[in-house]
Amino acid sequence: MTQHKTGLGIAYLIAGISVFSVQDLILKFISGGYPLYQAMLIRGLTSIPFLLVFAHFDGGIRSLFTAGLPRMILRGGVMFVAYFSFYIALAGLPLPTTVALYYSGPLFITVLSVFFLNEKVGLISWIAVLAGFVGVLIMVRPGSDLFDWAALLPILSGLTYGIAMIAARRMGVRETATALAFWGNNVFLTCAALMALYYADGSHIVDTHPSLAFLTRGWITPYPHDLILMMTCGVVAALGLWLLTQAYRIAAASTVAPFEYMGLIWSVLWGWIFWRDWPDAQGWLGIGVIAGAGIFVLLRESRQPRSG
């Protein structure tokens, strides 16, 4: 039964990562012409009916309203920081770089799973995790002329995403995946609405950096095809959030987390096809070290006994 849950959790996670890669592609496309909060609002509103349908088949609508609601809302706030940081970074960095730095998240998850889930991680795996963080440093290039402060955003995203997924593992004993995704989406929508109230009139725009412009740009009436793209993000978000949350609910975090690195394949593929972005030698080294560390942790930890 445990092996079945682990395999199912891995399948959920791979599907979720593949689905979310489409959202990354769309947001990168629109980041030069629309404000982020606008895309977030449309995404959040579009997600609601899909999440309600999921709720109907995953314990019923009543399962959304439990004693754990305050904790689910708090987790939603952490998830908002994770996704907001990542989306802002997309505007200022190549897609493969953004995604690779974001994949410090599974490293954080492995570390956090030890302290909060009592999962055991072996010494050699700790060395692999450390190597993964060295890969992050290689890509960020602190102190060099190529350093961009936006590179810190996907790292923040990875950390907060790790915290949120660890919380899903703990809360998933009592809460459904749909409830966690539903309230996460509602917090996401609320925060986007607050940003819209402040930035929509266009009087606070800061265009000194693409990421800042993506955040502060005034509201722009979307063309029909762009509106459809933003609404597609809502469908992707509803399905992706449910898949990822379900993965961490039913399987050990340190087992499923390394599979998140499959998103690197999608990011390099999309980046090359649509923008001809191709990592340089140092970028490939960083990607290789980060991905290699994650894969090693997967292979090593999957053979280790666990507690908790």
C-alpha atoms as a PDB file:
ATOM      1  CA  MET A   1       0.000   0.000   0.000  1.00  0.00           C
ATOM      2  CA  THR A   2       2.837   2.382   0.883  1.00  0.00           C
ATOM      3  CA  GLN A   3       4.609   1.626  -2.409  1.00  0.00           C
ATOM      4  CA  HIS A   4       1.356   2.244  -4.268  1.00  0.00           C
ATOM      5  CA  LYS A   5       0.919   5.636  -2.581  1.00  0.00           C
ATOM      6  CA  THR A   6       4.520   6.564  -3.336  1.00  0.00           C
ATOM      7  CA  GLY A   7       4.144   5.693  -7.014  1.00  0.00           C
ATOM      8  CA  LEU A   8       0.858   7.553  -7.220  1.00  0.00           C
ATOM      9  CA  GLY A   9       2.375  10.586  -5.502  1.00  0.00           C
ATOM     10  CA  ILE A  10       5.225  10.635  -8.003  1.00  0.00           C
ATOM     11  CA  ALA A  11       2.766  10.373 -10.901  1.00  0.00           C
ATOM     12  CA  TYR A  12       0.718  13.261  -9.506  1.00  0.00           C
ATOM     13  CA  LEU A  13       3.816  15.404  -9.150  1.00  0.00           C
ATOM     14  CA  ILE A  14       5.147  14.739 -12.654  1.00  0.00           C
ATOM     15  CA  ALA A  15       1.735  15.573 -14.113  1.00  0.00           C
ATOM     16  CA  GLY A  16       1.502  18.751 -12.034  1.00  0.00           C
ATOM     17  CA  ILE A  17       4.931  19.971 -13.069  1.00  0.00           C
ATOM     18  CA  SER A  18       4.183  19.330 -16.751  1.00  0.00           C
ATOM     19  CA  VAL A  19       0.894  21.232 -16.492  1.00  0.00           C
ATOM     20  CA  PHE A  20       2.484  24.185 -14.703  1.00  0.00           C
ATOM     21  CA  SER A  21       5.187  24.502 -17.366  1.00  0.00           C
ATOM     22  CA  VAL A  22       2.447  25.718 -19.725  1.00  0.00           C
ATOM     23  CA  GLN A  23       1.542  28.484 -17.274  1.00  0.00           C
ATOM     24  CA  ASP A  24       5.187  29.579 -17.064  1.00  0.00           C
ATOM     25  CA  LEU A  25       5.251  29.812 -20.845  1.00  0.00           C
ATOM     26  CA  ILE A  26       2.079  31.925 -20.980  1.00  0.00           C
ATOM     27  CA  LEU A  27       3.170  34.328 -18.222  1.00  0.00           C
ATOM     28  CA  LYS A  28       6.542  34.817 -19.888  1.00  0.00           C
ATOM     29  CA  PHE A  29       4.701  35.703 -23.098  1.00  0.00           C
ATOM     30  CA  ILE A  30       2.460  38.354 -21.527  1.00  0.00           C
ATOM     31  CA  SER A  31       5.019  39.825 -19.087  1.00  0.00           C
ATOM     32  CA  GLY A  32       6.109  42.490 -21.565  1.00  0.00           C
ATOM     33  CA  GLY A  33       2.661  43.939 -22.173  1.00  0.00           C
ATOM     34  CA  TYR A  34       0.405  43.355 -19.176  1.00  0.00           C
ATOM     35  CA  PRO A  35       0.682  43.721 -15.391  1.00  0.00           C
ATOM     36  CA  LEU A  36       1.109  40.602 -13.280  1.00  0.00           C
ATOM     37  CA  TYR A  37      -1.848  41.325 -10.994  1.00  0.00           C
ATOM     38  CA  GLN A  38      -4.156  41.368 -14.030  1.00  0.00           C
ATOM     39  CA  ALA A  39      -3.069  37.900 -15.102  1.00  0.00           C
ATOM     40  CA  MET A  40      -3.324  36.737 -11.489  1.00  0.00           C
ATOM     41  CA  LEU A  41      -6.868  38.066 -11.110  1.00  0.00           C
ATOM     42  CA  ILE A  42      -8.088  36.404 -14.295  1.00  0.00           C
ATOM     43  CA  ARG A  43      -6.268  33.202 -13.391  1.00  0.00           C
ATOM     44  CA  GLY A  44      -7.737  33.122  -9.901  1.00  0.00           C
ATOM     45  CA  LEU A  45     -11.303  33.792 -11.028  1.00  0.00           C
ATOM     46  CA  THR A  46     -11.096  31.163 -13.765  1.00  0.00           C
ATOM     47  CA  SER A  47      -9.797  28.558 -11.298  1.00  0.00           C
ATOM     48  CA  ILE A  48     -12.722  28.805  -8.863  1.00  0.00           C
ATOM     49  CA  PRO A  49     -15.377  26.805 -10.774  1.00  0.00           C
ATOM     50  CA  PHE A  50     -12.870  24.066 -11.588  1.00  0.00           C
ATOM     51  CA  LEU A  51     -11.803  23.809  -7.947  1.00  0.00           C
ATOM     52  CA  LEU A  52     -15.440  23.632  -6.862  1.00  0.00           C
ATOM     53  CA  VAL A  53     -15.964  20.719  -9.253  1.00  0.00           C
ATOM     54  CA  PHE A  54     -12.897  19.015  -7.793  1.00  0.00           C
ATOM     55  CA  ALA A  55     -14.290  19.624  -4.310  1.00  0.00           C
ATOM     56  CA  HIS A  56     -17.568  17.959  -5.262  1.00  0.00           C
ATOM     57  CA  PHE A  57     -15.731  14.741  -6.093  1.00  0.00           C
ATOM     58  CA  ASP A  58     -13.141  15.054  -3.313  1.00  0.00           C
ATOM     59  CA  GLY A  59     -15.199  14.997  -0.136  1.00  0.00           C
ATOM     60  CA  GLY A  60     -17.915  17.454  -1.117  1.00  0.00           C
ATOM     61  CA  ILE A  61     -18.189  21.238  -0.756  1.00  0.00           C
ATOM     62  CA  ARG A  62     -18.419  20.851   3.024  1.00  0.00           C
ATOM     63  CA  SER A  63     -14.843  19.521   3.044  1.00  0.00           C
ATOM     64  CA  LEU A  64     -13.672  23.053   2.191  1.00  0.00           C
ATOM     65  CA  PHE A  65     -14.898  24.382   5.536  1.00  0.00           C
ATOM     66  CA  THR A  66     -13.138  22.630   8.393  1.00  0.00           C
ATOM     67  CA  ALA A  67     -11.507  23.560  11.688  1.00  0.00           C
ATOM     68  CA  GLY A  68      -8.221  23.785   9.773  1.00  0.00           C
ATOM     69  CA  LEU A  69      -9.401  26.742   7.667  1.00  0.00           C
ATOM     70  CA  PRO A  70      -7.108  29.332   9.368  1.00  0.00           C
ATOM     71  CA  ARG A  71      -4.086  27.103   8.744  1.00  0.00           C
ATOM     72  CA  MET A  72      -5.084  26.575   5.131  1.00  0.00           C
ATOM     73  CA  ILE A  73      -5.370  30.331   4.637  1.00  0.00           C
ATOM     74  CA  LEU A  74      -1.953  30.846   6.242  1.00  0.00           C
ATOM     75  CA  ARG A  75      -0.493  28.230   3.930  1.00  0.00           C
ATOM     76  CA  GLY A  76      -2.179  30.043   1.045  1.00  0.00           C
ATOM     77  CA  GLY A  77      -0.270  33.183   2.024  1.00  0.00           C
ATOM     78  CA  VAL A  78       3.019  31.292   1.861  1.00  0.00           C
ATOM     79  CA  MET A  79       2.039  29.865  -1.527  1.00  0.00           C
ATOM     80  CA  PHE A  80       1.253  33.369  -2.759  1.00  0.00           C
ATOM     81  CA  VAL A  81       4.786  34.518  -1.900  1.00  0.00           C
ATOM     82  CA  ALA A  82       6.168  31.468  -3.696  1.00  0.00           C
ATOM     83  CA  TYR A  83       4.277  31.963  -6.943  1.00  0.00           C
ATOM     84  CA  PHE A  84       4.390  35.766  -6.921  1.00  0.00           C
ATOM     85  CA  SER A  85       8.198  35.743  -6.579  1.00  0.00           C
ATOM     86  CA  PHE A  86       8.519  33.238  -9.398  1.00  0.00           C
ATOM     87  CA  TYR A  87       6.171  35.114 -11.746  1.00  0.00           C
ATOM     88  CA  ILE A  88       7.953  38.428 -11.209  1.00  0.00           C
ATOM     89  CA  ALA A  89      11.293  36.772 -11.955  1.00  0.00           C
ATOM     90  CA  LEU A  90       9.970  35.436 -15.282  1.00  0.00           C
ATOM     91  CA  ALA A  91       9.838  38.957 -16.697  1.00  0.00           C
ATOM     92  CA  GLY A  92      13.478  39.716 -15.997  1.00  0.00           C
ATOM     93  CA  LEU A  93      15.288  36.407 -16.459  1.00  0.00           C
ATOM     94  CA  PRO A  94      15.494  33.740 -19.194  1.00  0.00           C
ATOM     95  CA  LEU A  95      12.947  30.977 -18.596  1.00  0.00           C
ATOM     96  CA  PRO A  96      15.533  28.192 -18.034  1.00  0.00           C
ATOM     97  CA  THR A  97      17.416  30.339 -15.479  1.00  0.00           C
ATOM     98  CA  THR A  98      14.246  31.220 -13.575  1.00  0.00           C
ATOM     99  CA  VAL A  99      13.071  27.628 -13.402  1.00  0.00           C
ATOM    100  CA  ALA A 100      16.497  26.237 -12.501  1.00  0.00           C
ATOM    101  CA  LEU A 101      16.850  28.636  -9.555  1.00  0.00           C
ATOM    102  CA  TYR A 102      13.288  27.892  -8.486  1.00  0.00           C
ATOM    103  CA  TYR A 103      14.311  24.255  -8.254  1.00  0.00           C
ATOM    104  CA  SER A 104      16.236  25.025  -5.135  1.00  0.00           C
ATOM    105  CA  GLY A 105      12.740  24.319  -3.731  1.00  0.00           C
ATOM    106  CA  PRO A 106      13.092  20.522  -3.651  1.00  0.00           C
ATOM    107  CA  LEU A 107      16.410  20.962  -1.844  1.00  0.00           C
ATOM    108  CA  PHE A 108      14.642  23.067   0.780  1.00  0.00           C
ATOM    109  CA  ILE A 109      11.859  20.476   0.971  1.00  0.00           C
ATOM    110  CA  THR A 110      14.354  17.704   1.676  1.00  0.00           C
ATOM    111  CA  VAL A 111      15.957  19.757   4.452  1.00  0.00           C
ATOM    112  CA  LEU A 112      12.635  20.841   5.946  1.00  0.00           C
ATOM    113  CA  SER A 113      11.224  17.307   5.843  1.00  0.00           C
ATOM    114  CA  VAL A 114      13.852  16.269   8.385  1.00  0.00           C
ATOM    115  CA  PHE A 115      12.897  18.916  10.938  1.00  0.00           C
ATOM    116  CA  PHE A 116       9.138  18.993  10.448  1.00  0.00           C
ATOM    117  CA  LEU A 117       8.215  15.500   9.233  1.00  0.00           C
ATOM    118  CA  ASN A 118      10.875  13.428  11.021  1.00  0.00           C
ATOM    119  CA  GLU A 119      11.951  11.907   7.712  1.00  0.00           C
ATOM    120  CA  LYS A 120      15.481  10.513   7.654  1.00  0.00           C
ATOM    121  CA  VAL A 121      18.046  11.776   5.149  1.00  0.00           C
ATOM    122  CA  GLY A 122      21.421  10.042   4.916  1.00  0.00           C
ATOM    123  CA  LEU A 123      24.838  11.697   5.122  1.00  0.00           C
ATOM    124  CA  ILE A 124      25.620  11.190   1.457  1.00  0.00           C
ATOM    125  CA  SER A 125      22.268  12.738   0.560  1.00  0.00           C
ATOM    126  CA  TRP A 126      23.098  15.751   2.738  1.00  0.00           C
ATOM    127  CA  ILE A 127      26.270  16.154   0.676  1.00  0.00           C
ATOM    128  CA  ALA A 128      24.171  15.990  -2.504  1.00  0.00           C
ATOM    129  CA  VAL A 129      21.807  18.668  -1.156  1.00  0.00           C
ATOM    130  CA  LEU A 130      24.799  20.880  -0.356  1.00  0.00           C
ATOM    131  CA  ALA A 131      26.091  20.335  -3.885  1.00  0.00           C
ATOM    132  CA  GLY A 132      22.694  21.421  -5.190  1.00  0.00           C
ATOM    133  CA  PHE A 133      22.979  24.714  -3.344  1.00  0.00           C
ATOM    134  CA  VAL A 134      26.456  25.169  -4.827  1.00  0.00           C
ATOM    135  CA  GLY A 135      24.767  24.811  -8.205  1.00  0.00           C
ATOM    136  CA  VAL A 136      22.414  27.622  -7.217  1.00  0.00           C
ATOM    137  CA  LEU A 137      25.389  29.864  -6.444  1.00  0.00           C
ATOM    138  CA  ILE A 138      26.928  29.016  -9.801  1.00  0.00           C
ATOM    139  CA  MET A 139      23.788  30.214 -11.564  1.00  0.00           C
ATOM    140  CA  VAL A 140      23.222  33.338  -9.427  1.00  0.00           C
ATOM    141  CA  ARG A 141      26.851  34.457  -9.946  1.00  0.00           C
ATOM    142  CA  PRO A 142      27.019  36.761  -6.920  1.00  0.00           C
ATOM    143  CA  GLY A 143      29.563  39.551  -7.243  1.00  0.00           C
ATOM    144  CA  SER A 144      29.919  39.243 -11.013  1.00  0.00           C
ATOM    145  CA  ASP A 145      28.852  41.760 -13.661  1.00  0.00           C
ATOM    146  CA  LEU A 146      26.201  39.268 -14.794  1.00  0.00           C
ATOM    147  CA  PHE A 147      24.471  39.214 -11.396  1.00  0.00           C
ATOM    148  CA  ASP A 148      20.822  40.282 -11.532  1.00  0.00           C
ATOM    149  CA  TRP A 149      18.929  40.897  -8.297  1.00  0.00           C
ATOM    150  CA  ALA A 150      15.902  39.227  -9.899  1.00  0.00           C
ATOM    151  CA  ALA A 151      17.803  35.937  -9.606  1.00  0.00           C
ATOM    152  CA  LEU A 152      17.105  36.032  -5.861  1.00  0.00           C
ATOM    153  CA  LEU A 153      13.348  35.935  -6.480  1.00  0.00           C
ATOM    154  CA  PRO A 154      13.069  32.329  -7.708  1.00  0.00           C
ATOM    155  CA  ILE A 155      15.240  31.239  -4.764  1.00  0.00           C
ATOM    156  CA  LEU A 156      12.773  32.920  -2.394  1.00  0.00           C
ATOM    157  CA  SER A 157      10.056  31.186  -4.364  1.00  0.00           C
ATOM    158  CA  GLY A 158      11.761  27.828  -3.905  1.00  0.00           C
ATOM    159  CA  LEU A 159      12.086  28.319  -0.148  1.00  0.00           C
ATOM    160  CA  THR A 160       8.494  29.393   0.423  1.00  0.00           C
ATOM    161  CA  TYR A 161       7.209  26.684  -1.916  1.00  0.00           C
ATOM    162  CA  GLY A 162       9.115  24.134   0.156  1.00  0.00           C
ATOM    163  CA  ILE A 163       7.517  25.432   3.341  1.00  0.00           C
ATOM    164  CA  ALA A 164       4.054  25.262   1.765  1.00  0.00           C
ATOM    165  CA  MET A 165       4.512  21.699   0.540  1.00  0.00           C
ATOM    166  CA  ILE A 166       5.775  20.557   3.944  1.00  0.00           C
ATOM    167  CA  ALA A 167       2.664  22.158   5.430  1.00  0.00           C
ATOM    168  CA  ALA A 168       0.537  20.246   2.894  1.00  0.00           C
ATOM    169  CA  ARG A 169       2.155  17.005   4.054  1.00  0.00           C
ATOM    170  CA  ARG A 170       1.262  17.748   7.683  1.00  0.00           C
ATOM    171  CA  MET A 171      -2.204  19.150   7.011  1.00  0.00           C
ATOM    172  CA  GLY A 172      -3.086  16.536   4.400  1.00  0.00           C
ATOM    173  CA  VAL A 173      -3.884  14.043   7.127  1.00  0.00           C
ATOM    174  CA  ARG A 174      -7.078  16.002   7.860  1.00  0.00           C
ATOM    175  CA  GLU A 175      -7.628  18.223   4.806  1.00  0.00           C
ATOM    176  CA  THR A 176      -8.338  17.274   1.195  1.00  0.00           C
ATOM    177  CA  ALA A 177      -6.035  18.313  -1.624  1.00  0.00           C
ATOM    178  CA  THR A 178      -8.874  20.321  -3.113  1.00  0.00           C
ATOM    179  CA  ALA A 179      -9.458  22.268   0.115  1.00  0.00           C
ATOM    180  CA  LEU A 180      -5.787  23.200   0.302  1.00  0.00           C
ATOM    181  CA  ALA A 181      -5.753  24.235  -3.366  1.00  0.00           C
ATOM    182  CA  PHE A 182      -9.088  26.094  -3.073  1.00  0.00           C
ATOM    183  CA  TRP A 183      -8.043  28.300  -0.177  1.00  0.00           C
ATOM    184  CA  GLY A 184      -4.617  28.810  -1.685  1.00  0.00           C
ATOM    185  CA  ASN A 185      -6.313  30.109  -4.827  1.00  0.00           C
ATOM    186  CA  ASN A 186      -8.592  32.403  -2.787  1.00  0.00           C
ATOM    187  CA  VAL A 187      -5.639  33.973  -0.983  1.00  0.00           C
ATOM    188  CA  PHE A 188      -3.912  34.337  -4.350  1.00  0.00           C
ATOM    189  CA  LEU A 189      -6.997  36.074  -5.766  1.00  0.00           C
ATOM    190  CA  THR A 190      -7.372  38.390  -2.775  1.00  0.00           C
ATOM    191  CA  CYS A 191      -3.753  39.529  -2.923  1.00  0.00           C
ATOM    192  CA  ALA A 192      -4.022  40.127  -6.682  1.00  0.00           C
ATOM    193  CA  ALA A 193      -7.140  42.259  -6.126  1.00  0.00           C
ATOM    194  CA  LEU A 194      -5.323  44.372  -3.538  1.00  0.00           C
ATOM    195  CA  MET A 195      -2.435  44.942  -5.939  1.00  0.00           C
ATOM    196  CA  ALA A 196      -4.887  45.892  -8.675  1.00  0.00           C
ATOM    197  CA  LEU A 197      -6.483  48.516  -6.444  1.00  0.00           C
ATOM    198  CA  TYR A 198      -3.084  50.117  -5.945  1.00  0.00           C
ATOM    199  CA  TYR A 199      -1.487  49.795  -9.404  1.00  0.00           C
ATOM    200  CA  ALA A 200      -4.410  49.723 -11.867  1.00  0.00           C
ATOM    201  CA  ASP A 201      -4.489  53.480 -12.543  1.00  0.00           C
ATOM    202  CA  GLY A 202      -0.903  53.370 -13.839  1.00  0.00           C
ATOM    203  CA  SER A 203       0.379  56.121 -11.554  1.00  0.00           C
ATOM    204  CA  HIS A 204       2.890  53.908  -9.709  1.00  0.00           C
ATOM    205  CA  ILE A 205       4.729  52.321 -12.602  1.00  0.00           C
ATOM    206  CA  VAL A 206       8.464  51.674 -12.211  1.00  0.00           C
ATOM    207  CA  ASP A 207      10.093  50.617 -15.475  1.00  0.00           C
ATOM    208  CA  THR A 208      13.761  50.506 -14.483  1.00  0.00           C
ATOM    209  CA  HIS A 209      13.684  46.688 -14.610  1.00  0.00           C
ATOM    210  CA  PRO A 210      11.392  44.284 -16.516  1.00  0.00           C
ATOM    211  CA  SER A 211      10.337  42.584 -13.275  1.00  0.00           C
ATOM    212  CA  LEU A 212       9.359  45.885 -11.667  1.00  0.00           C
ATOM    213  CA  ALA A 213       7.431  46.934 -14.785  1.00  0.00           C
ATOM    214  CA  PHE A 214       5.559  43.610 -14.745  1.00  0.00           C
ATOM    215  CA  LEU A 215       4.504  44.349 -11.159  1.00  0.00           C
ATOM    216  CA  THR A 216       3.653  48.063 -11.379  1.00  0.00           C
ATOM    217  CA  ARG A 217       2.220  48.515 -14.892  1.00  0.00           C
ATOM    218  CA  GLY A 218      -1.326  49.935 -15.079  1.00  0.00           C
ATOM    219  CA  TRP A 219      -4.359  47.867 -16.084  1.00  0.00           C
ATOM    220  CA  ILE A 220      -4.516  47.163 -19.828  1.00  0.00           C
ATOM    221  CA  THR A 221      -7.658  45.913 -21.571  1.00  0.00           C
ATOM    222  CA  PRO A 222      -6.547  42.577 -23.018  1.00  0.00           C
ATOM    223  CA  TYR A 223      -6.952  41.482 -26.614  1.00  0.00           C
ATOM    224  CA  PRO A 224      -9.291  38.457 -26.881  1.00  0.00           C
ATOM    225  CA  HIS A 225      -6.476  35.983 -27.540  1.00  0.00           C
ATOM    226  CA  ASP A 226      -4.484  37.334 -24.568  1.00  0.00           C
ATOM    227  CA  LEU A 227      -7.568  37.059 -22.360  1.00  0.00           C
ATOM    228  CA  ILE A 228      -7.918  33.434 -23.398  1.00  0.00           C
ATOM    229  CA  LEU A 229      -4.273  32.834 -22.500  1.00  0.00           C
ATOM    230  CA  MET A 230      -4.783  34.348 -19.040  1.00  0.00           C
ATOM    231  CA  MET A 231      -7.904  32.259 -18.515  1.00  0.00           C
ATOM    232  CA  THR A 232      -5.949  29.184 -19.578  1.00  0.00           C
ATOM    233  CA  CYS A 233      -3.613  29.935 -16.679  1.00  0.00           C
ATOM    234  CA  GLY A 234      -6.624  29.543 -14.394  1.00  0.00           C
ATOM    235  CA  VAL A 235      -7.404  26.076 -15.725  1.00  0.00           C
ATOM    236  CA  VAL A 236      -3.739  25.138 -15.473  1.00  0.00           C
ATOM    237  CA  ALA A 237      -3.503  26.518 -11.932  1.00  0.00           C
ATOM    238  CA  ALA A 238      -6.577  24.637 -10.709  1.00  0.00           C
ATOM    239  CA  LEU A 239      -5.381  21.333 -12.094  1.00  0.00           C
ATOM    240  CA  GLY A 240      -1.715  21.891 -11.260  1.00  0.00           C
ATOM    241  CA  LEU A 241      -2.358  22.977  -7.669  1.00  0.00           C
ATOM    242  CA  TRP A 242      -4.545  19.953  -7.077  1.00  0.00           C
ATOM    243  CA  LEU A 243      -1.978  17.551  -8.561  1.00  0.00           C
ATOM    244  CA  LEU A 244       0.978  18.955  -6.614  1.00  0.00           C
ATOM    245  CA  THR A 245      -0.907  19.193  -3.338  1.00  0.00           C
ATOM    246  CA  GLN A 246      -2.165  15.640  -3.756  1.00  0.00           C
ATOM    247  CA  ALA A 247       1.381  14.433  -4.407  1.00  0.00           C
ATOM    248  CA  TYR A 248       2.694  15.838  -1.125  1.00  0.00           C
ATOM    249  CA  ARG A 249      -0.358  14.658   0.798  1.00  0.00           C
ATOM    250  CA  ILE A 250       0.073  10.975   0.034  1.00  0.00           C
ATOM    251  CA  ALA A 251       3.819  10.468  -0.417  1.00  0.00           C
ATOM    252  CA  ALA A 252       6.989  11.248   1.522  1.00  0.00           C
ATOM    253  CA  ALA A 253       8.222  14.737   0.666  1.00  0.00           C
ATOM    254  CA  SER A 254      11.872  13.749   0.284  1.00  0.00           C
ATOM    255  CA  THR A 255      10.860  10.976  -2.155  1.00  0.00           C
ATOM    256  CA  VAL A 256       8.639  12.930  -4.532  1.00  0.00           C
ATOM    257  CA  ALA A 257      10.410  16.306  -4.365  1.00  0.00           C
ATOM    258  CA  PRO A 258      13.354  15.421  -6.682  1.00  0.00           C
ATOM    259  CA  PHE A 259      10.905  14.652  -9.504  1.00  0.00           C
ATOM    260  CA  GLU A 260      10.160  18.381  -9.627  1.00  0.00           C
ATOM    261  CA  TYR A 261      13.405  18.732 -11.566  1.00  0.00           C
ATOM    262  CA  MET A 262      11.597  17.450 -14.640  1.00  0.00           C
ATOM    263  CA  GLY A 263      10.401  21.030 -14.991  1.00  0.00           C
ATOM    264  CA  LEU A 264      13.931  21.943 -16.065  1.00  0.00           C
ATOM    265  CA  ILE A 265      13.460  19.934 -19.230  1.00  0.00           C
ATOM    266  CA  TRP A 266      10.294  21.831 -20.079  1.00  0.00           C
ATOM    267  CA  SER A 267      11.873  25.220 -19.318  1.00  0.00           C
ATOM    268  CA  VAL A 268      14.881  24.636 -21.563  1.00  0.00           C
ATOM    269  CA  LEU A 269      12.621  23.318 -24.315  1.00  0.00           C
ATOM    270  CA  TRP A 270      10.149  26.240 -24.159  1.00  0.00           C
ATOM    271  CA  GLY A 271      12.947  28.789 -23.789  1.00  0.00           C
ATOM    272  CA  TRP A 272      14.752  27.564 -26.875  1.00  0.00           C
ATOM    273  CA  ILE A 273      11.631  27.158 -29.039  1.00  0.00           C
ATOM    274  CA  PHE A 274      10.041  30.541 -28.316  1.00  0.00           C
ATOM    275  CA  TRP A 275      12.910  32.879 -27.326  1.00  0.00           C
ATOM    276  CA  ARG A 276      16.043  31.068 -28.480  1.00  0.00           C
ATOM    277  CA  ASP A 277      17.270  31.264 -24.873  1.00  0.00           C
ATOM    278  CA  TRP A 278      20.076  28.771 -24.421  1.00  0.00           C
ATOM    279  CA  PRO A 279      22.100  28.598 -21.183  1.00  0.00           C
ATOM    280  CA  ASP A 280      25.806  29.405 -21.438  1.00  0.00           C
ATOM    281  CA  ALA A 281      28.478  27.030 -20.125  1.00  0.00           C
ATOM    282  CA  GLN A 282      28.198  28.279 -16.545  1.00  0.00           C
ATOM    283  CA  GLY A 283      24.420  28.121 -16.731  1.00  0.00           C
ATOM    284  CA  TRP A 284      24.517  24.520 -17.933  1.00  0.00           C
ATOM    285  CA  LEU A 285      26.937  23.695 -15.128  1.00  0.00           C
ATOM    286  CA  GLY A 286      24.563  25.142 -12.548  1.00  0.00           C
ATOM    287  CA  ILE A 287      21.570  23.348 -14.049  1.00  0.00           C
ATOM    288  CA  GLY A 288      23.498  20.087 -14.150  1.00  0.00           C
ATOM    289  CA  VAL A 289      24.643  20.346 -10.538  1.00  0.00           C
ATOM    290  CA  ILE A 290      21.161  21.243  -9.254  1.00  0.00           C
ATOM    291  CA  ALA A 291      19.437  18.503 -11.253  1.00  0.00           C
ATOM    292  CA  GLY A 292      22.140  15.949 -10.497  1.00  0.00           C
ATOM    293  CA  ALA A 293      21.908  16.604  -6.781  1.00  0.00           C
ATOM    294  CA  GLY A 294      18.136  16.169  -6.833  1.00  0.00           C
ATOM    295  CA  ILE A 295      18.278  12.944  -8.828  1.00  0.00           C
ATOM    296  CA  PHE A 296      20.943  11.555  -6.502  1.00  0.00           C
ATOM    297  CA  VAL A 297      18.851  12.376  -3.443  1.00  0.00           C
ATOM    298  CA  LEU A 298      15.928  10.602  -5.081  1.00  0.00           C
ATOM    299  CA  LEU A 299      17.864   7.438  -5.801  1.00  0.00           C
ATOM    300  CA  ARG A 300      19.564   7.450  -2.393  1.00  0.00           C
ATOM    301  CA  GLU A 301      16.625   8.311  -0.167  1.00  0.00           C
ATOM    302  CA  SER A 302      14.164   6.009  -1.910  1.00  0.00           C
ATOM    303  CA  ARG A 303      16.189   3.106  -0.510  1.00  0.00           C
ATOM    304  CA  GLN A 304      16.320   4.432   3.045  1.00  0.00           C
ATOM    305  CA  PRO A 305      13.887   3.499   5.845  1.00  0.00           C
ATOM    306  CA  ARG A 306      11.730   6.386   7.061  1.00  0.00           C
ATOM    307  CA  SER A 307       9.948   7.363  10.209  1.00  0.00           C
ATOM    308  CA  GLY A 308       7.088   9.766  10.841  1.00  0.00           C
END
